[in-house]
Amino acid sequence: SEPVIVQVLEGEGAISRNREVMGATNPVDAAEGTIRAEFA
């Protein structure tokens, strides 16, 4: 429906760290400060 940004992230434990930063799929369940809690 709109453009997207595809990207590769690198870091120590990048997969789990990214998933923590994103937050739970359902924004209602996402921890405060995560991307999904703030923006979804």
PDB file of all heavy atoms in Angstrom:
ATOM      1  N   SER A   1       0.788  -1.233   0.000  1.00  0.00           N
ATOM      2  CA  SER A   1       0.000   0.000   0.000  1.00  0.00           C
ATOM      3  C   SER A   1       0.815   1.275   0.000  1.00  0.00           C
ATOM      4  O   SER A   1       0.342   2.318  -0.460  1.00  0.00           O
ATOM      5  CB  SER A   1      -0.959   0.002   1.197  1.00  0.00           C
ATOM      6  OG  SER A   1      -0.233   0.096   2.416  1.00  0.00           O
ATOM      7  N   GLU A   2       2.006   1.237   0.499  1.00  0.00           N
ATOM      8  CA  GLU A   2       2.915   2.395   0.600  1.00  0.00           C
ATOM      9  C   GLU A   2       4.334   1.856   0.513  1.00  0.00           C
ATOM     10  O   GLU A   2       4.561   0.666   0.709  1.00  0.00           O
ATOM     11  CB  GLU A   2       2.753   3.098   1.962  1.00  0.00           C
ATOM     12  CG  GLU A   2       1.373   3.604   2.286  1.00  0.00           C
ATOM     13  CD  GLU A   2       1.103   4.993   1.747  1.00  0.00           C
ATOM     14  OE1 GLU A   2       2.068   5.710   1.395  1.00  0.00           O
ATOM     15  OE2 GLU A   2      -0.080   5.357   1.674  1.00  0.00           O
ATOM     16  N   PRO A   3       5.306   2.734   0.307  1.00  0.00           N
ATOM     17  CA  PRO A   3       6.697   2.268   0.342  1.00  0.00           C
ATOM     18  C   PRO A   3       7.063   1.708   1.723  1.00  0.00           C
ATOM     19  O   PRO A   3       6.445   2.054   2.734  1.00  0.00           O
ATOM     20  CB  PRO A   3       7.508   3.535   0.063  1.00  0.00           C
ATOM     21  CG  PRO A   3       6.566   4.435  -0.663  1.00  0.00           C
ATOM     22  CD  PRO A   3       5.207   4.141  -0.071  1.00  0.00           C
ATOM     23  N   VAL A   4       8.060   0.846   1.740  1.00  0.00           N
ATOM     24  CA  VAL A   4       8.610   0.295   2.970  1.00  0.00           C
ATOM     25  C   VAL A   4      10.120   0.522   2.971  1.00  0.00           C
ATOM     26  O   VAL A   4      10.715   0.778   1.921  1.00  0.00           O
ATOM     27  CB  VAL A   4       8.308  -1.219   3.124  1.00  0.00           C
ATOM     28  CG1 VAL A   4       6.813  -1.475   3.192  1.00  0.00           C
ATOM     29  CG2 VAL A   4       8.941  -2.040   2.006  1.00  0.00           C
ATOM     30  N   ILE A   5      10.714   0.412   4.146  1.00  0.00           N
ATOM     31  CA  ILE A   5      12.173   0.458   4.274  1.00  0.00           C
ATOM     32  C   ILE A   5      12.620  -0.944   4.640  1.00  0.00           C
ATOM     33  O   ILE A   5      12.223  -1.475   5.680  1.00  0.00           O
ATOM     34  CB  ILE A   5      12.634   1.436   5.382  1.00  0.00           C
ATOM     35  CG1 ILE A   5      12.048   2.832   5.191  1.00  0.00           C
ATOM     36  CG2 ILE A   5      14.166   1.449   5.483  1.00  0.00           C
ATOM     37  CD1 ILE A   5      12.458   3.539   3.930  1.00  0.00           C
ATOM     38  N   VAL A   6      13.419  -1.560   3.774  1.00  0.00           N
ATOM     39  CA  VAL A   6      14.009  -2.855   4.095  1.00  0.00           C
ATOM     40  C   VAL A   6      15.440  -2.589   4.539  1.00  0.00           C
ATOM     41  O   VAL A   6      16.118  -1.736   3.965  1.00  0.00           O
ATOM     42  CB  VAL A   6      13.937  -3.852   2.908  1.00  0.00           C
ATOM     43  CG1 VAL A   6      12.489  -4.237   2.622  1.00  0.00           C
ATOM     44  CG2 VAL A   6      14.591  -3.308   1.657  1.00  0.00           C
ATOM     45  N   GLN A   7      15.868  -3.295   5.567  1.00  0.00           N
ATOM     46  CA  GLN A   7      17.203  -3.002   6.088  1.00  0.00           C
ATOM     47  C   GLN A   7      17.815  -4.202   6.789  1.00  0.00           C
ATOM     48  O   GLN A   7      17.116  -5.130   7.186  1.00  0.00           O
ATOM     49  CB  GLN A   7      17.163  -1.806   7.026  1.00  0.00           C
ATOM     50  CG  GLN A   7      16.196  -1.920   8.165  1.00  0.00           C
ATOM     51  CD  GLN A   7      15.979  -0.592   8.875  1.00  0.00           C
ATOM     52  OE1 GLN A   7      16.040   0.472   8.304  1.00  0.00           O
ATOM     53  NE2 GLN A   7      15.733  -0.654  10.145  1.00  0.00           N
ATOM     54  N   VAL A   8      19.120  -4.136   6.916  1.00  0.00           N
ATOM     55  CA  VAL A   8      19.888  -5.140   7.625  1.00  0.00           C
ATOM     56  C   VAL A   8      20.503  -4.459   8.839  1.00  0.00           C
ATOM     57  O   VAL A   8      21.153  -3.417   8.716  1.00  0.00           O
ATOM     58  CB  VAL A   8      20.989  -5.752   6.733  1.00  0.00           C
ATOM     59  CG1 VAL A   8      21.791  -6.799   7.504  1.00  0.00           C
ATOM     60  CG2 VAL A   8      20.393  -6.350   5.466  1.00  0.00           C
ATOM     61  N   LEU A   9      20.254  -5.046   9.999  1.00  0.00           N
ATOM     62  CA  LEU A   9      20.782  -4.529  11.248  1.00  0.00           C
ATOM     63  C   LEU A   9      21.848  -5.488  11.764  1.00  0.00           C
ATOM     64  O   LEU A   9      21.706  -6.707  11.639  1.00  0.00           O
ATOM     65  CB  LEU A   9      19.668  -4.405  12.292  1.00  0.00           C
ATOM     66  CG  LEU A   9      18.424  -3.622  11.866  1.00  0.00           C
ATOM     67  CD1 LEU A   9      17.352  -3.699  12.945  1.00  0.00           C
ATOM     68  CD2 LEU A   9      18.774  -2.180  11.542  1.00  0.00           C
ATOM     69  N   GLU A  10      22.889  -4.933  12.363  1.00  0.00           N
ATOM     70  CA  GLU A  10      23.990  -5.746  12.867  1.00  0.00           C
ATOM     71  C   GLU A  10      24.300  -5.350  14.300  1.00  0.00           C
ATOM     72  O   GLU A  10      24.237  -4.174  14.660  1.00  0.00           O
ATOM     73  CB  GLU A  10      25.223  -5.523  11.994  1.00  0.00           C
ATOM     74  CG  GLU A  10      26.436  -6.335  12.383  1.00  0.00           C
ATOM     75  CD  GLU A  10      27.607  -6.053  11.456  1.00  0.00           C
ATOM     76  OE1 GLU A  10      28.268  -5.011  11.632  1.00  0.00           O
ATOM     77  OE2 GLU A  10      27.845  -6.873  10.547  1.00  0.00           O
ATOM     78  N   GLY A  11      24.653  -6.338  15.102  1.00  0.00           N
ATOM     79  CA  GLY A  11      25.046  -6.062  16.478  1.00  0.00           C
ATOM     80  C   GLY A  11      25.146  -7.338  17.281  1.00  0.00           C
ATOM     81  O   GLY A  11      24.832  -8.431  16.792  1.00  0.00           O
ATOM     82  N   GLU A  12      25.570  -7.213  18.527  1.00  0.00           N
ATOM     83  CA  GLU A  12      25.618  -8.347  19.442  1.00  0.00           C
ATOM     84  C   GLU A  12      24.199  -8.847  19.672  1.00  0.00           C
ATOM     85  O   GLU A  12      23.330  -8.073  20.076  1.00  0.00           O
ATOM     86  CB  GLU A  12      26.255  -7.947  20.770  1.00  0.00           C
ATOM     87  CG  GLU A  12      27.723  -7.601  20.673  1.00  0.00           C
ATOM     88  CD  GLU A  12      28.599  -8.804  20.338  1.00  0.00           C
ATOM     89  OE1 GLU A  12      28.302  -9.911  20.831  1.00  0.00           O
ATOM     90  OE2 GLU A  12      29.564  -8.628  19.581  1.00  0.00           O
ATOM     91  N   GLY A  13      23.937 -10.101  19.384  1.00  0.00           N
ATOM     92  CA  GLY A  13      22.603 -10.659  19.573  1.00  0.00           C
ATOM     93  C   GLY A  13      21.541  -9.869  18.830  1.00  0.00           C
ATOM     94  O   GLY A  13      20.451  -9.631  19.351  1.00  0.00           O
ATOM     95  N   ALA A  14      21.837  -9.467  17.598  1.00  0.00           N
ATOM     96  CA  ALA A  14      20.965  -8.555  16.831  1.00  0.00           C
ATOM     97  C   ALA A  14      19.528  -9.061  16.700  1.00  0.00           C
ATOM     98  O   ALA A  14      18.594  -8.254  16.758  1.00  0.00           O
ATOM     99  CB  ALA A  14      21.558  -8.295  15.445  1.00  0.00           C
ATOM    100  N   ILE A  15      19.342 -10.351  16.529  1.00  0.00           N
ATOM    101  CA  ILE A  15      17.983 -10.869  16.325  1.00  0.00           C
ATOM    102  C   ILE A  15      17.139 -10.648  17.575  1.00  0.00           C
ATOM    103  O   ILE A  15      16.051 -10.066  17.510  1.00  0.00           O
ATOM    104  CB  ILE A  15      18.013 -12.351  15.906  1.00  0.00           C
ATOM    105  CG1 ILE A  15      18.680 -12.477  14.528  1.00  0.00           C
ATOM    106  CG2 ILE A  15      16.603 -12.943  15.884  1.00  0.00           C
ATOM    107  CD1 ILE A  15      19.060 -13.887  14.142  1.00  0.00           C
ATOM    108  N   SER A  16      17.634 -11.086  18.716  1.00  0.00           N
ATOM    109  CA  SER A  16      16.851 -10.913  19.948  1.00  0.00           C
ATOM    110  C   SER A  16      16.763  -9.446  20.352  1.00  0.00           C
ATOM    111  O   SER A  16      15.708  -8.994  20.814  1.00  0.00           O
ATOM    112  CB  SER A  16      17.427 -11.762  21.080  1.00  0.00           C
ATOM    113  OG  SER A  16      18.745 -11.375  21.377  1.00  0.00           O
ATOM    114  N   ARG A  17      17.815  -8.705  20.167  1.00  0.00           N
ATOM    115  CA  ARG A  17      17.786  -7.284  20.511  1.00  0.00           C
ATOM    116  C   ARG A  17      16.752  -6.552  19.662  1.00  0.00           C
ATOM    117  O   ARG A  17      15.973  -5.744  20.163  1.00  0.00           O
ATOM    118  CB  ARG A  17      19.165  -6.665  20.339  1.00  0.00           C
ATOM    119  CG  ARG A  17      19.190  -5.209  20.798  1.00  0.00           C
ATOM    120  CD  ARG A  17      20.557  -4.673  20.947  1.00  0.00           C
ATOM    121  NE  ARG A  17      21.233  -5.444  21.983  1.00  0.00           N
ATOM    122  CZ  ARG A  17      22.524  -5.307  22.274  1.00  0.00           C
ATOM    123  NH1 ARG A  17      23.247  -4.436  21.609  1.00  0.00           N
ATOM    124  NH2 ARG A  17      23.083  -6.018  23.212  1.00  0.00           N
ATOM    125  N   ASN A  18      16.723  -6.835  18.366  1.00  0.00           N
ATOM    126  CA  ASN A  18      15.736  -6.201  17.487  1.00  0.00           C
ATOM    127  C   ASN A  18      14.319  -6.544  17.923  1.00  0.00           C
ATOM    128  O   ASN A  18      13.441  -5.681  17.967  1.00  0.00           O
ATOM    129  CB  ASN A  18      15.964  -6.604  16.031  1.00  0.00           C
ATOM    130  CG  ASN A  18      14.984  -5.957  15.085  1.00  0.00           C
ATOM    131  OD1 ASN A  18      14.625  -4.796  15.233  1.00  0.00           O
ATOM    132  ND2 ASN A  18      14.538  -6.705  14.099  1.00  0.00           N
ATOM    133  N   ARG A  19      14.095  -7.793  18.274  1.00  0.00           N
ATOM    134  CA  ARG A  19      12.759  -8.205  18.684  1.00  0.00           C
ATOM    135  C   ARG A  19      12.343  -7.524  19.991  1.00  0.00           C
ATOM    136  O   ARG A  19      11.190  -7.164  20.177  1.00  0.00           O
ATOM    137  CB  ARG A  19      12.677  -9.726  18.771  1.00  0.00           C
ATOM    138  CG  ARG A  19      12.877 -10.330  17.346  1.00  0.00           C
ATOM    139  CD  ARG A  19      12.600 -11.777  17.245  1.00  0.00           C
ATOM    140  NE  ARG A  19      11.209 -12.122  17.392  1.00  0.00           N
ATOM    141  CZ  ARG A  19      10.264 -11.944  16.458  1.00  0.00           C
ATOM    142  NH1 ARG A  19      10.568 -11.388  15.301  1.00  0.00           N
ATOM    143  NH2 ARG A  19       9.026 -12.331  16.693  1.00  0.00           N
ATOM    144  N   GLU A  20      13.298  -7.294  20.881  1.00  0.00           N
ATOM    145  CA  GLU A  20      13.009  -6.546  22.107  1.00  0.00           C
ATOM    146  C   GLU A  20      12.626  -5.104  21.791  1.00  0.00           C
ATOM    147  O   GLU A  20      11.679  -4.574  22.363  1.00  0.00           O
ATOM    148  CB  GLU A  20      14.219  -6.552  23.034  1.00  0.00           C
ATOM    149  CG  GLU A  20      14.498  -7.875  23.695  1.00  0.00           C
ATOM    150  CD  GLU A  20      15.806  -7.867  24.466  1.00  0.00           C
ATOM    151  OE1 GLU A  20      16.300  -6.770  24.833  1.00  0.00           O
ATOM    152  OE2 GLU A  20      16.356  -8.956  24.698  1.00  0.00           O
ATOM    153  N   VAL A  21      13.377  -4.468  20.905  1.00  0.00           N
ATOM    154  CA  VAL A  21      13.127  -3.070  20.534  1.00  0.00           C
ATOM    155  C   VAL A  21      11.785  -2.932  19.816  1.00  0.00           C
ATOM    156  O   VAL A  21      11.076  -1.942  20.017  1.00  0.00           O
ATOM    157  CB  VAL A  21      14.272  -2.522  19.646  1.00  0.00           C
ATOM    158  CG1 VAL A  21      13.955  -1.149  19.101  1.00  0.00           C
ATOM    159  CG2 VAL A  21      15.571  -2.487  20.423  1.00  0.00           C
ATOM    160  N   MET A  22      11.422  -3.932  19.004  1.00  0.00           N
ATOM    161  CA  MET A  22      10.144  -3.876  18.295  1.00  0.00           C
ATOM    162  C   MET A  22       8.977  -3.985  19.268  1.00  0.00           C
ATOM    163  O   MET A  22       7.985  -3.290  19.117  1.00  0.00           O
ATOM    164  CB  MET A  22      10.034  -5.014  17.275  1.00  0.00           C
ATOM    165  CG  MET A  22      10.910  -4.844  16.072  1.00  0.00           C
ATOM    166  SD  MET A  22      10.550  -6.048  14.753  1.00  0.00           S
ATOM    167  CE  MET A  22      10.516  -7.616  15.587  1.00  0.00           C
ATOM    168  N   GLY A  23       9.052  -4.886  20.219  1.00  0.00           N
ATOM    169  CA  GLY A  23       7.942  -5.133  21.134  1.00  0.00           C
ATOM    170  C   GLY A  23       7.004  -6.193  20.590  1.00  0.00           C
ATOM    171  O   GLY A  23       7.138  -6.655  19.456  1.00  0.00           O
ATOM    172  N   ALA A  24       6.031  -6.569  21.387  1.00  0.00           N
ATOM    173  CA  ALA A  24       5.067  -7.605  21.016  1.00  0.00           C
ATOM    174  C   ALA A  24       4.287  -7.206  19.764  1.00  0.00           C
ATOM    175  O   ALA A  24       4.031  -6.021  19.528  1.00  0.00           O
ATOM    176  CB  ALA A  24       4.105  -7.860  22.174  1.00  0.00           C
ATOM    177  N   THR A  25       3.888  -8.209  18.983  1.00  0.00           N
ATOM    178  CA  THR A  25       3.137  -7.976  17.749  1.00  0.00           C
ATOM    179  C   THR A  25       1.890  -7.137  17.992  1.00  0.00           C
ATOM    180  O   THR A  25       1.600  -6.217  17.241  1.00  0.00           O
ATOM    181  CB  THR A  25       2.750  -9.317  17.095  1.00  0.00           C
ATOM    182  OG1 THR A  25       3.945 -10.053  16.834  1.00  0.00           O
ATOM    183  CG2 THR A  25       1.999  -9.108  15.798  1.00  0.00           C
ATOM    184  N   ASN A  26       1.173  -7.462  19.041  1.00  0.00           N
ATOM    185  CA  ASN A  26      -0.008  -6.681  19.399  1.00  0.00           C
ATOM    186  C   ASN A  26       0.462  -5.488  20.230  1.00  0.00           C
ATOM    187  O   ASN A  26       1.003  -5.668  21.323  1.00  0.00           O
ATOM    188  CB  ASN A  26      -0.986  -7.534  20.212  1.00  0.00           C
ATOM    189  CG  ASN A  26      -2.289  -6.809  20.486  1.00  0.00           C
ATOM    190  OD1 ASN A  26      -2.357  -5.590  20.454  1.00  0.00           O
ATOM    191  ND2 ASN A  26      -3.320  -7.577  20.767  1.00  0.00           N
ATOM    192  N   PRO A  27       0.272  -4.274  19.731  1.00  0.00           N
ATOM    193  CA  PRO A  27       0.785  -3.100  20.450  1.00  0.00           C
ATOM    194  C   PRO A  27       0.235  -2.956  21.868  1.00  0.00           C
ATOM    195  O   PRO A  27       0.895  -2.380  22.729  1.00  0.00           O
ATOM    196  CB  PRO A  27       0.384  -1.920  19.569  1.00  0.00           C
ATOM    197  CG  PRO A  27      -0.625  -2.442  18.619  1.00  0.00           C
ATOM    198  CD  PRO A  27      -0.415  -3.914  18.500  1.00  0.00           C
ATOM    199  N   VAL A  28      -0.931  -3.519  22.129  1.00  0.00           N
ATOM    200  CA  VAL A  28      -1.501  -3.480  23.479  1.00  0.00           C
ATOM    201  C   VAL A  28      -0.623  -4.259  24.458  1.00  0.00           C
ATOM    202  O   VAL A  28      -0.517  -3.901  25.633  1.00  0.00           O
ATOM    203  CB  VAL A  28      -2.943  -4.048  23.467  1.00  0.00           C
ATOM    204  CG1 VAL A  28      -3.504  -4.190  24.861  1.00  0.00           C
ATOM    205  CG2 VAL A  28      -3.838  -3.189  22.601  1.00  0.00           C
ATOM    206  N   ASP A  29       0.036  -5.303  23.956  1.00  0.00           N
ATOM    207  CA  ASP A  29       0.896  -6.140  24.783  1.00  0.00           C
ATOM    208  C   ASP A  29       2.362  -5.707  24.769  1.00  0.00           C
ATOM    209  O   ASP A  29       3.182  -6.269  25.498  1.00  0.00           O
ATOM    210  CB  ASP A  29       0.826  -7.600  24.308  1.00  0.00           C
ATOM    211  CG  ASP A  29      -0.581  -8.167  24.387  1.00  0.00           C
ATOM    212  OD1 ASP A  29      -1.338  -7.756  25.288  1.00  0.00           O
ATOM    213  OD2 ASP A  29      -0.914  -9.014  23.530  1.00  0.00           O
ATOM    214  N   ALA A  30       2.698  -4.731  23.936  1.00  0.00           N
ATOM    215  CA  ALA A  30       4.088  -4.301  23.786  1.00  0.00           C
ATOM    216  C   ALA A  30       4.537  -3.469  24.984  1.00  0.00           C
ATOM    217  O   ALA A  30       3.796  -2.629  25.491  1.00  0.00           O
ATOM    218  CB  ALA A  30       4.250  -3.499  22.491  1.00  0.00           C
ATOM    219  N   ALA A  31       5.758  -3.717  25.417  1.00  0.00           N
ATOM    220  CA  ALA A  31       6.322  -2.987  26.556  1.00  0.00           C
ATOM    221  C   ALA A  31       6.483  -1.503  26.221  1.00  0.00           C
ATOM    222  O   ALA A  31       6.750  -1.131  25.072  1.00  0.00           O
ATOM    223  CB  ALA A  31       7.672  -3.589  26.933  1.00  0.00           C
ATOM    224  N   GLU A  32       6.341  -0.700  27.242  1.00  0.00           N
ATOM    225  CA  GLU A  32       6.507   0.746  27.090  1.00  0.00           C
ATOM    226  C   GLU A  32       7.884   1.047  26.511  1.00  0.00           C
ATOM    227  O   GLU A  32       8.873   0.410  26.874  1.00  0.00           O
ATOM    228  CB  GLU A  32       6.367   1.412  28.461  1.00  0.00           C
ATOM    229  CG  GLU A  32       6.352   2.920  28.396  1.00  0.00           C
ATOM    230  CD  GLU A  32       6.104   3.557  29.743  1.00  0.00           C
ATOM    231  OE1 GLU A  32       5.368   2.969  30.556  1.00  0.00           O
ATOM    232  OE2 GLU A  32       6.664   4.638  29.981  1.00  0.00           O
ATOM    233  N   GLY A  33       7.928   2.000  25.585  1.00  0.00           N
ATOM    234  CA  GLY A  33       9.183   2.406  24.965  1.00  0.00           C
ATOM    235  C   GLY A  33       9.560   1.625  23.728  1.00  0.00           C
ATOM    236  O   GLY A  33      10.498   1.991  23.025  1.00  0.00           O
ATOM    237  N   THR A  34       8.847   0.523  23.446  1.00  0.00           N
ATOM    238  CA  THR A  34       9.149  -0.241  22.232  1.00  0.00           C
ATOM    239  C   THR A  34       8.518   0.440  21.021  1.00  0.00           C
ATOM    240  O   THR A  34       7.618   1.280  21.153  1.00  0.00           O
ATOM    241  CB  THR A  34       8.634  -1.693  22.330  1.00  0.00           C
ATOM    242  OG1 THR A  34       7.212  -1.680  22.464  1.00  0.00           O
ATOM    243  CG2 THR A  34       9.279  -2.426  23.507  1.00  0.00           C
ATOM    244  N   ILE A  35       8.981   0.074  19.858  1.00  0.00           N
ATOM    245  CA  ILE A  35       8.475   0.659  18.613  1.00  0.00           C
ATOM    246  C   ILE A  35       6.973   0.444  18.482  1.00  0.00           C
ATOM    247  O   ILE A  35       6.225   1.379  18.191  1.00  0.00           O
ATOM    248  CB  ILE A  35       9.224   0.074  17.397  1.00  0.00           C
ATOM    249  CG1 ILE A  35      10.686   0.526  17.414  1.00  0.00           C
ATOM    250  CG2 ILE A  35       8.538   0.469  16.086  1.00  0.00           C
ATOM    251  CD1 ILE A  35      11.596  -0.211  16.445  1.00  0.00           C
ATOM    252  N   ARG A  36       6.527  -0.774  18.703  1.00  0.00           N
ATOM    253  CA  ARG A  36       5.103  -1.066  18.520  1.00  0.00           C
ATOM    254  C   ARG A  36       4.242  -0.386  19.581  1.00  0.00           C
ATOM    255  O   ARG A  36       3.133   0.057  19.279  1.00  0.00           O
ATOM    256  CB  ARG A  36       4.874  -2.564  18.475  1.00  0.00           C
ATOM    257  CG  ARG A  36       5.426  -3.162  17.172  1.00  0.00           C
ATOM    258  CD  ARG A  36       5.311  -4.652  17.138  1.00  0.00           C
ATOM    259  NE  ARG A  36       5.680  -5.188  15.837  1.00  0.00           N
ATOM    260  CZ  ARG A  36       6.180  -6.388  15.657  1.00  0.00           C
ATOM    261  NH1 ARG A  36       6.373  -7.195  16.695  1.00  0.00           N
ATOM    262  NH2 ARG A  36       6.484  -6.810  14.443  1.00  0.00           N
ATOM    263  N   ALA A  37       4.724  -0.276  20.805  1.00  0.00           N
ATOM    264  CA  ALA A  37       3.952   0.429  21.833  1.00  0.00           C
ATOM    265  C   ALA A  37       3.789   1.899  21.463  1.00  0.00           C
ATOM    266  O   ALA A  37       2.731   2.485  21.673  1.00  0.00           O
ATOM    267  CB  ALA A  37       4.634   0.300  23.190  1.00  0.00           C
ATOM    268  N   GLU A  38       4.819   2.484  20.889  1.00  0.00           N
ATOM    269  CA  GLU A  38       4.781   3.910  20.555  1.00  0.00           C
ATOM    270  C   GLU A  38       4.118   4.222  19.216  1.00  0.00           C
ATOM    271  O   GLU A  38       3.445   5.237  19.090  1.00  0.00           O
ATOM    272  CB  GLU A  38       6.194   4.492  20.554  1.00  0.00           C
ATOM    273  CG  GLU A  38       6.766   4.629  21.938  1.00  0.00           C
ATOM    274  CD  GLU A  38       8.068   5.401  21.957  1.00  0.00           C
ATOM    275  OE1 GLU A  38       8.253   6.313  21.125  1.00  0.00           O
ATOM    276  OE2 GLU A  38       8.899   5.077  22.815  1.00  0.00           O
ATOM    277  N   PHE A  39       4.319   3.365  18.222  1.00  0.00           N
ATOM    278  CA  PHE A  39       3.949   3.750  16.859  1.00  0.00           C
ATOM    279  C   PHE A  39       2.903   2.883  16.165  1.00  0.00           C
ATOM    280  O   PHE A  39       2.290   3.328  15.196  1.00  0.00           O
ATOM    281  CB  PHE A  39       5.199   3.795  15.972  1.00  0.00           C
ATOM    282  CG  PHE A  39       6.280   4.692  16.490  1.00  0.00           C
ATOM    283  CD1 PHE A  39       7.558   4.206  16.682  1.00  0.00           C
ATOM    284  CD2 PHE A  39       6.027   6.023  16.775  1.00  0.00           C
ATOM    285  CE1 PHE A  39       8.574   5.036  17.144  1.00  0.00           C
ATOM    286  CE2 PHE A  39       7.031   6.860  17.244  1.00  0.00           C
ATOM    287  CZ  PHE A  39       8.310   6.359  17.430  1.00  0.00           C
ATOM    288  N   ALA A  40       2.707   1.649  16.591  1.00  0.00           N
ATOM    289  CA  ALA A  40       1.778   0.750  15.883  1.00  0.00           C
ATOM    290  C   ALA A  40       0.356   1.280  15.955  1.00  0.00           C
ATOM    291  O   ALA A  40      -0.061   1.837  16.966  1.00  0.00           O
ATOM    292  CB  ALA A  40       1.842  -0.653  16.468  1.00  0.00           C
TER     293      ALA A  40
END
